[in-house]
Protein backbone atom coordinates (compact mmCIF):
# COMPACT_ATOMS: atom_id res chain seq x y z
CA UNK A 1 37.02 37.95 -31.93
CA UNK A 2 38.33 39.90 -35.57
CA UNK A 3 38.46 37.70 -38.73
CA UNK A 4 40.61 38.43 -41.59
CA UNK A 5 39.13 39.17 -44.68
CA UNK A 6 40.37 35.92 -47.30
CA UNK A 7 41.26 38.02 -50.02
CA UNK A 8 43.31 40.96 -50.03
CA UNK A 9 41.82 44.13 -51.85
CA UNK A 10 44.04 45.99 -54.13
CA UNK A 11 44.13 48.87 -51.75
CA UNK A 12 45.69 51.07 -53.94
CA UNK A 13 42.62 51.30 -55.74
CA UNK A 14 40.52 52.31 -52.92
CA UNK A 15 39.92 55.96 -52.91
CA UNK A 16 39.91 57.36 -49.91
CA UNK A 17 38.53 60.74 -49.08
CA UNK A 18 40.86 63.46 -47.61
CA UNK A 19 38.14 63.81 -44.77
CA UNK A 20 36.16 61.36 -42.77
CA UNK A 21 33.57 61.05 -39.69
CA UNK A 22 35.59 59.59 -36.76
CA UNK A 23 34.72 56.84 -34.71
CA UNK A 24 36.60 56.60 -31.14
CA UNK A 25 36.86 53.10 -30.03
CA UNK A 26 37.66 52.06 -26.24
CA UNK A 27 40.26 49.72 -25.68
CA UNK A 28 40.87 48.17 -28.96
CA UNK A 29 42.52 48.70 -32.26
CA UNK A 30 41.26 47.87 -35.62
CA UNK A 31 43.85 46.77 -38.91
CA UNK A 32 43.75 47.62 -42.78
CA UNK A 33 42.21 44.14 -43.88
CA UNK A 34 40.37 43.07 -40.72
CA UNK A 35 37.03 42.75 -40.49
CA UNK A 36 35.68 43.72 -36.85
CA UNK A 37 32.53 44.05 -34.70
CA UNK A 38 31.93 46.98 -33.23
CA UNK A 39 29.24 48.13 -30.37
CA UNK A 40 28.66 51.87 -30.60
CA UNK A 41 26.78 53.67 -28.12
CA UNK A 42 27.61 57.05 -27.66
CA UNK A 43 25.89 60.18 -29.27
CA UNK A 44 28.73 61.49 -31.14
CA UNK A 45 29.73 58.06 -32.57
CA UNK A 46 26.40 57.04 -33.70
CA UNK A 47 26.13 60.12 -35.39
CA UNK A 48 29.89 59.41 -37.04
CA UNK A 49 28.35 56.40 -38.59
CA UNK A 50 25.08 57.79 -39.72
CA UNK A 51 27.14 60.53 -41.66
CA UNK A 52 29.38 57.74 -43.08
CA UNK A 53 26.48 55.60 -44.25
CA UNK A 54 24.64 58.74 -46.26
CA UNK A 55 27.98 59.00 -47.80
CA UNK A 56 30.51 56.52 -49.05
CA UNK A 57 29.96 54.15 -46.02
CA UNK A 58 33.92 55.19 -45.04
CA UNK A 59 34.62 55.69 -41.43
CA UNK A 60 38.37 56.58 -39.26
CA UNK A 61 38.54 54.53 -36.63
CA UNK A 62 40.76 56.23 -33.50
CA UNK A 63 42.00 54.04 -30.60
CA UNK A 64 41.46 56.28 -27.47
CA UNK A 65 44.32 56.86 -25.17
CA UNK A 66 42.12 56.93 -22.01
CA UNK A 67 38.60 54.10 -22.74
CA UNK A 68 37.08 56.24 -19.57
CA UNK A 69 36.73 59.12 -21.78
CA UNK A 70 33.27 59.90 -22.69
CA UNK A 71 33.67 62.71 -24.64
CA UNK A 72 37.35 62.38 -26.45
CA UNK A 73 38.86 65.04 -28.31
CA UNK A 74 41.82 65.40 -30.26
CA UNK A 75 44.02 64.95 -27.01
CA UNK A 76 42.46 62.05 -25.86
CA UNK A 77 42.75 60.34 -29.11
CA UNK A 78 45.69 58.55 -30.87
CA UNK A 79 46.70 60.26 -34.01
CA UNK A 80 47.15 57.20 -36.48
CA UNK A 81 44.18 55.08 -37.12
CA UNK A 82 42.50 53.09 -39.64
CA UNK A 83 40.08 53.80 -42.27
CA UNK A 84 37.26 51.40 -42.33
CA UNK A 85 34.35 50.55 -44.50
CA UNK A 86 30.82 49.87 -42.68
CA UNK A 87 29.90 46.82 -43.94
CA UNK A 88 26.59 46.14 -42.03
CA UNK A 89 24.51 48.26 -39.56
CA UNK A 90 21.96 47.04 -36.68
CA UNK A 91 20.02 49.13 -34.45
CA UNK A 92 19.26 47.61 -30.90
CA UNK A 93 16.35 47.59 -28.58
CA UNK A 94 18.33 49.87 -26.13
CA UNK A 95 19.43 52.64 -28.93
CA UNK A 96 22.87 51.08 -29.52
CA UNK A 97 24.27 49.96 -32.61
CA UNK A 98 26.18 47.52 -34.06
CA UNK A 99 28.21 47.62 -37.05
CA UNK A 100 30.79 45.32 -39.13
CA UNK A 101 33.94 47.21 -40.56
CA UNK A 102 36.21 46.35 -42.47
CA UNK A 103 39.80 47.84 -42.20
CA UNK A 104 40.93 49.45 -45.66
CA UNK A 105 44.22 51.35 -44.81
CA UNK A 106 45.99 53.13 -42.21
CA UNK A 107 45.70 56.97 -42.67
CA UNK A 108 47.20 59.80 -39.98
CA UNK A 109 45.01 62.81 -38.67
CA UNK A 110 46.47 65.95 -40.25
CA UNK A 111 43.56 68.09 -38.48
CA UNK A 112 40.68 67.52 -35.98
CA UNK A 113 37.98 69.35 -38.33
CA UNK A 114 34.84 69.29 -35.94
CA UNK A 115 33.62 68.02 -32.31
CA UNK A 116 30.06 68.12 -32.70
CA UNK A 117 27.72 66.78 -33.64
CA UNK A 118 30.17 63.94 -34.91
CA UNK A 119 34.35 63.88 -34.48
CA UNK A 120 35.30 64.70 -38.44
CA UNK A 121 39.42 64.70 -39.31
CA UNK A 122 41.06 65.70 -42.06
CA UNK A 123 43.48 62.74 -43.26
CA UNK A 124 46.42 61.68 -44.47
CA UNK A 125 46.88 58.50 -45.88
CA UNK A 126 49.87 56.57 -44.82
CA UNK A 127 51.67 52.73 -46.64
CA UNK A 128 54.38 50.58 -45.28
CA UNK A 129 57.79 51.33 -46.32
CA UNK A 130 59.08 49.60 -49.31
CA UNK A 131 61.08 46.20 -47.81
CA UNK A 132 62.79 43.30 -49.86
CA UNK A 133 60.11 40.75 -50.71
CA UNK A 134 63.17 38.22 -51.18
CA UNK A 135 65.31 38.94 -47.77
CA UNK A 136 66.06 35.83 -46.12
CA UNK A 137 65.29 37.20 -42.52
CA UNK A 138 61.96 38.28 -43.92
CA UNK A 139 60.99 35.09 -44.93
CA UNK A 140 62.36 33.46 -42.02
CA UNK A 141 60.44 35.53 -39.72
CA UNK A 142 57.13 34.98 -41.66
CA UNK A 143 57.92 30.72 -41.60
CA UNK A 144 58.66 31.49 -37.33
CA UNK A 145 55.23 33.33 -36.89
CA UNK A 146 52.97 30.82 -38.79
CA UNK A 147 54.78 27.74 -36.54
CA UNK A 148 54.05 29.54 -33.34
CA UNK A 149 50.43 30.12 -34.19
CA UNK A 150 49.76 26.77 -34.89
CA UNK A 151 51.62 26.40 -31.69
CA UNK A 152 49.52 28.56 -30.02
CA UNK A 153 46.68 26.94 -30.95
CA UNK A 154 47.74 23.49 -29.98
CA UNK A 155 48.09 24.95 -26.49
CA UNK A 156 44.73 26.16 -26.20
CA UNK A 157 44.18 29.23 -28.14
CA UNK A 158 41.05 30.42 -29.45
CA UNK A 159 41.58 31.21 -32.93
CA UNK A 160 38.66 30.79 -35.84
CA UNK A 161 39.12 28.30 -38.33
CA UNK A 162 40.23 30.53 -41.01
CA UNK A 163 42.95 32.52 -39.47
CA UNK A 164 45.46 29.76 -39.84
CA UNK A 165 44.14 29.05 -43.42
CA UNK A 166 44.98 33.02 -43.91
CA UNK A 167 48.26 33.30 -42.16
CA UNK A 168 49.21 30.23 -44.20
CA UNK A 169 48.24 32.16 -47.56
CA UNK A 170 50.06 35.02 -46.56
CA UNK A 171 53.47 36.59 -48.06
CA UNK A 172 53.24 39.91 -46.95
CA UNK A 173 54.83 40.61 -43.85
CA UNK A 174 52.73 43.84 -42.83
CA UNK A 175 49.61 41.60 -43.60
CA UNK A 176 50.62 39.25 -41.47
CA UNK A 177 52.04 41.11 -38.51
CA UNK A 178 48.16 42.77 -38.58
CA UNK A 179 46.65 39.75 -38.68
CA UNK A 180 48.73 38.15 -35.76
CA UNK A 181 48.25 41.55 -33.16
CA UNK A 182 44.23 41.07 -34.41
CA UNK A 183 44.07 37.99 -32.67
CA UNK A 184 45.93 38.54 -29.49
CA UNK A 185 45.24 40.08 -26.43
CA UNK A 186 47.02 43.08 -26.39
CA UNK A 187 46.83 46.98 -24.27
CA UNK A 188 45.67 49.18 -26.35
CA UNK A 189 49.30 51.15 -26.44
CA UNK A 190 50.88 47.52 -27.60
CA UNK A 191 47.91 47.86 -30.45
CA UNK A 192 48.90 51.27 -31.34
CA UNK A 193 52.62 50.74 -31.66
CA UNK A 194 51.61 47.56 -34.22
CA UNK A 195 49.45 49.96 -36.32
CA UNK A 196 52.10 52.85 -36.12
CA UNK A 197 55.06 50.74 -37.22
CA UNK A 198 55.45 51.13 -41.21
CA UNK A 199 58.28 49.06 -41.76
CA UNK A 200 56.98 45.55 -42.42
CA UNK A 201 59.34 43.69 -41.11
CA UNK A 202 60.10 45.61 -37.90
CA UNK A 203 55.80 45.03 -37.40
CA UNK A 204 56.34 41.56 -37.74
CA UNK A 205 59.12 41.52 -35.21
CA UNK A 206 57.60 42.79 -32.64
CA UNK A 207 54.21 41.07 -33.44
CA UNK A 208 56.43 37.92 -33.06
CA UNK A 209 57.58 39.25 -29.65
CA UNK A 210 53.93 40.00 -28.58
CA UNK A 211 52.98 36.01 -29.56
CA UNK A 212 55.85 34.50 -28.08
CA UNK A 213 55.02 36.34 -24.61
CA UNK A 214 51.22 35.04 -25.42
CA UNK A 215 52.63 31.41 -26.31
CA UNK A 216 54.46 31.48 -22.83
CA UNK A 217 51.35 32.11 -21.01
CA UNK A 218 49.31 29.35 -22.76
CA UNK A 219 51.90 27.12 -22.02
CA UNK A 220 52.63 28.51 -18.19
CA UNK A 221 48.73 28.05 -18.13
CA UNK A 222 48.29 24.49 -19.40
CA UNK A 223 51.71 23.53 -16.56
CA UNK A 224 49.32 25.14 -13.71
CA UNK A 225 46.07 23.46 -15.14
CA UNK A 226 47.82 20.07 -14.99
CA UNK A 227 49.28 20.42 -11.49
CA UNK A 228 45.89 21.80 -10.44
CA UNK A 229 44.82 18.11 -11.78
CA UNK A 230 47.21 16.13 -10.52
CA UNK A 231 46.47 17.29 -6.90
CA UNK A 232 43.07 16.85 -6.84
CA UNK A 233 43.75 13.57 -7.99
CA UNK A 234 45.80 12.75 -5.35
CA UNK A 235 43.43 14.50 -2.90
CA UNK A 236 40.70 12.27 -4.22
CA UNK A 237 42.47 8.99 -4.13
CA UNK A 238 43.87 9.66 -0.36
CA UNK A 239 40.21 10.37 0.45
CA UNK A 240 39.00 6.97 -0.90
CA UNK A 241 41.88 4.98 0.77
CA UNK A 242 40.73 6.69 4.22
CA UNK A 243 37.07 5.60 3.95
CA UNK A 244 38.53 2.23 2.64
CA UNK A 245 39.94 1.78 5.90
């Protein structure tokens, strides 16, 4: 499970190189300011991590379009990803490694520079479009998302305890959208859509839609579970009564 950072670093103060090694991700997207554990097994990915650790610990995370592609090239990767800092690295006995990364900012690939021994890209840092912080629409949307997150938790959604604390203290719609999306079970295309939406209010609207879908699924699942329990109780009562006669 991904966990959000409790405080917001000054994104604009983090210096990001124009060229970075690339870590392709299977079936997942990491957002800025989110902490995520990653399992790394492919040789080109291990080489990319090693390169990042030997320099500034920064790496570009790009989601694969096809999670089954073993040797992705430029056409196999989405063009927008997240620059991340490698916080920790652990080598496993089977030669895989585990890394803990924290997203820093969004970035667009302007050119893929190398495929071997690891992917390397020239990147362009991208940020959110400006929005009106005093917008009534933005405030209403943020309140709605926070309430829905609480409702999802009450219906059994497994969220880390710190997520609601962080969500309730966020005032930036884009960050709330990223936090919400990082805690939903999304298809990679849906998660990538959130990443590529630079209008923070529009991004939060989309995250709210996806959150609403998950809430409906949770409600339906609870109803099905309740019906199954009622049916089981009825069957047990009938069985008991038959044996009493």
